[in-house]
Amino acid sequence: MSRFRLLPTAAQEARLLEHCAHARFIWNPAVTARGGGASARPANRELQLATSAIRQKS
């Protein structure tokens, strides 16, 4: 297994967080389409709130 350490600048960190939010935006409907979704995992709501907070910072 390879391990990498990221030490991003502030601008790079913002872009990485934005990318993760976009990936999550695509992932959630895919999970719902397969029969999962927020109702199947209560912790998913907490993740959505955290993602929302990241978006508001940008």
N, C-alpha and C. Protein backbone atom coordinates (compact mmCIF):
# COMPACT_ATOMS: atom_id res chain seq x y z
N MET A 1 0.84 -1.17 0.00
CA MET A 1 0.00 0.00 0.00
C MET A 1 0.89 1.25 0.00
N SER A 2 0.57 2.19 -0.84
CA SER A 2 1.30 3.45 -0.89
C SER A 2 0.63 4.46 0.02
N ARG A 3 1.42 5.28 0.63
CA ARG A 3 0.89 6.35 1.48
C ARG A 3 1.48 7.66 1.01
N PHE A 4 0.62 8.66 0.96
CA PHE A 4 1.04 9.98 0.54
C PHE A 4 0.59 10.99 1.57
N ARG A 5 1.38 11.99 1.76
CA ARG A 5 1.02 13.06 2.68
C ARG A 5 0.82 14.32 1.85
N LEU A 6 -0.32 14.96 2.07
CA LEU A 6 -0.62 16.21 1.37
C LEU A 6 -0.40 17.38 2.31
N LEU A 7 0.28 18.37 1.83
CA LEU A 7 0.46 19.62 2.57
C LEU A 7 0.02 20.76 1.64
N PRO A 8 -1.29 20.86 1.42
CA PRO A 8 -1.77 21.85 0.44
C PRO A 8 -1.72 23.27 0.97
N THR A 9 -1.60 24.19 0.03
CA THR A 9 -1.72 25.59 0.38
C THR A 9 -3.20 25.84 0.69
N ALA A 10 -3.53 27.02 1.16
CA ALA A 10 -4.93 27.34 1.48
C ALA A 10 -5.81 27.24 0.24
N ALA A 11 -5.31 27.71 -0.90
CA ALA A 11 -6.08 27.65 -2.15
C ALA A 11 -6.28 26.20 -2.59
N GLN A 12 -5.22 25.39 -2.47
CA GLN A 12 -5.32 23.99 -2.86
C GLN A 12 -6.27 23.24 -1.93
N GLU A 13 -6.24 23.56 -0.65
CA GLU A 13 -7.14 22.91 0.30
C GLU A 13 -8.60 23.22 -0.05
N ALA A 14 -8.86 24.47 -0.39
CA ALA A 14 -10.22 24.84 -0.78
C ALA A 14 -10.67 24.07 -2.01
N ARG A 15 -9.78 23.91 -2.98
CA ARG A 15 -10.13 23.15 -4.19
C ARG A 15 -10.36 21.67 -3.88
N LEU A 16 -9.54 21.10 -3.00
CA LEU A 16 -9.73 19.70 -2.61
C LEU A 16 -11.06 19.50 -1.90
N LEU A 17 -11.41 20.41 -1.00
CA LEU A 17 -12.69 20.31 -0.31
C LEU A 17 -13.85 20.46 -1.28
N GLU A 18 -13.70 21.35 -2.25
CA GLU A 18 -14.74 21.53 -3.27
C GLU A 18 -14.90 20.25 -4.09
N HIS A 19 -13.78 19.65 -4.46
CA HIS A 19 -13.82 18.40 -5.23
C HIS A 19 -14.54 17.30 -4.44
N CYS A 20 -14.21 17.19 -3.15
CA CYS A 20 -14.87 16.18 -2.31
C CYS A 20 -16.36 16.43 -2.21
N ALA A 21 -16.75 17.67 -2.09
CA ALA A 21 -18.18 18.01 -2.04
C ALA A 21 -18.88 17.62 -3.34
N HIS A 22 -18.22 17.88 -4.47
CA HIS A 22 -18.80 17.51 -5.77
C HIS A 22 -18.91 15.99 -5.91
N ALA A 23 -17.88 15.29 -5.48
CA ALA A 23 -17.92 13.83 -5.56
C ALA A 23 -19.05 13.29 -4.69
N ARG A 24 -19.25 13.87 -3.53
CA ARG A 24 -20.32 13.44 -2.63
C ARG A 24 -21.68 13.75 -3.25
N PHE A 25 -21.77 14.88 -3.95
CA PHE A 25 -23.02 15.28 -4.61
C PHE A 25 -23.43 14.23 -5.65
N ILE A 26 -22.47 13.65 -6.33
CA ILE A 26 -22.74 12.60 -7.32
C ILE A 26 -22.97 11.26 -6.63
N TRP A 27 -22.21 10.98 -5.58
CA TRP A 27 -22.29 9.70 -4.90
C TRP A 27 -23.66 9.48 -4.25
N ASN A 28 -24.21 10.50 -3.58
CA ASN A 28 -25.46 10.34 -2.85
C ASN A 28 -26.61 9.87 -3.74
N PRO A 29 -26.86 10.47 -4.91
CA PRO A 29 -27.95 9.96 -5.76
C PRO A 29 -27.68 8.53 -6.25
N ALA A 30 -26.42 8.19 -6.46
CA ALA A 30 -26.10 6.83 -6.89
C ALA A 30 -26.45 5.82 -5.80
N VAL A 31 -26.15 6.16 -4.57
CA VAL A 31 -26.49 5.28 -3.45
C VAL A 31 -28.00 5.15 -3.32
N THR A 32 -28.70 6.27 -3.45
CA THR A 32 -30.16 6.26 -3.37
C THR A 32 -30.75 5.41 -4.48
N ALA A 33 -30.20 5.51 -5.68
CA ALA A 33 -30.70 4.74 -6.82
C ALA A 33 -30.52 3.23 -6.60
N ARG A 34 -29.50 2.85 -5.84
CA ARG A 34 -29.28 1.42 -5.57
C ARG A 34 -30.08 0.93 -4.38
N GLY A 35 -30.88 1.80 -3.75
CA GLY A 35 -31.73 1.37 -2.65
C GLY A 35 -31.21 1.74 -1.28
N GLY A 36 -30.15 2.50 -1.21
CA GLY A 36 -29.63 2.96 0.08
C GLY A 36 -30.25 4.29 0.43
N GLY A 37 -29.45 5.26 0.62
CA GLY A 37 -29.96 6.60 0.87
C GLY A 37 -29.85 7.02 2.31
N ALA A 38 -30.24 8.25 2.58
CA ALA A 38 -30.11 8.83 3.91
C ALA A 38 -30.92 8.07 4.95
N SER A 39 -32.06 7.55 4.58
CA SER A 39 -32.88 6.83 5.56
C SER A 39 -32.21 5.53 5.99
N ALA A 40 -31.39 4.95 5.14
CA ALA A 40 -30.71 3.70 5.48
C ALA A 40 -29.52 3.95 6.40
N ARG A 41 -28.96 5.16 6.36
CA ARG A 41 -27.79 5.48 7.17
C ARG A 41 -28.00 6.84 7.85
N PRO A 42 -28.39 6.86 9.13
CA PRO A 42 -28.60 8.14 9.82
C PRO A 42 -27.35 9.01 9.85
N ALA A 43 -26.16 8.43 9.86
CA ALA A 43 -24.93 9.22 9.90
C ALA A 43 -24.75 10.04 8.62
N ASN A 44 -25.42 9.64 7.55
CA ASN A 44 -25.32 10.36 6.29
C ASN A 44 -25.79 11.80 6.46
N ARG A 45 -26.78 12.04 7.31
CA ARG A 45 -27.27 13.41 7.54
C ARG A 45 -26.16 14.27 8.14
N GLU A 46 -25.40 13.71 9.06
CA GLU A 46 -24.29 14.45 9.65
C GLU A 46 -23.25 14.81 8.59
N LEU A 47 -22.98 13.89 7.69
CA LEU A 47 -22.03 14.14 6.62
C LEU A 47 -22.54 15.25 5.70
N GLN A 48 -23.83 15.23 5.40
CA GLN A 48 -24.42 16.27 4.56
C GLN A 48 -24.30 17.63 5.22
N LEU A 49 -24.51 17.69 6.53
CA LEU A 49 -24.37 18.95 7.25
C LEU A 49 -22.94 19.45 7.21
N ALA A 50 -21.98 18.54 7.37
CA ALA A 50 -20.57 18.92 7.31
C ALA A 50 -20.20 19.43 5.92
N THR A 51 -20.68 18.73 4.89
CA THR A 51 -20.42 19.15 3.52
C THR A 51 -21.03 20.52 3.26
N SER A 52 -22.22 20.74 3.78
CA SER A 52 -22.88 22.03 3.61
C SER A 52 -22.07 23.15 4.26
N ALA A 53 -21.51 22.87 5.44
CA ALA A 53 -20.69 23.86 6.13
C ALA A 53 -19.44 24.18 5.32
N ILE A 54 -18.85 23.18 4.69
CA ILE A 54 -17.65 23.41 3.87
C ILE A 54 -18.01 24.29 2.68
N ARG A 55 -19.16 24.02 2.06
CA ARG A 55 -19.57 24.82 0.90
C ARG A 55 -19.80 26.27 1.28
N GLN A 56 -20.35 26.51 2.46
CA GLN A 56 -20.63 27.87 2.90
C GLN A 56 -19.34 28.65 3.17
N LYS A 57 -18.28 27.94 3.57
CA LYS A 57 -16.99 28.61 3.80
C LYS A 57 -16.37 29.12 2.51
N SER A 58 -16.65 28.40 1.40
CA SER A 58 -16.01 28.75 0.12
C SER A 58 -16.63 29.97 -0.49
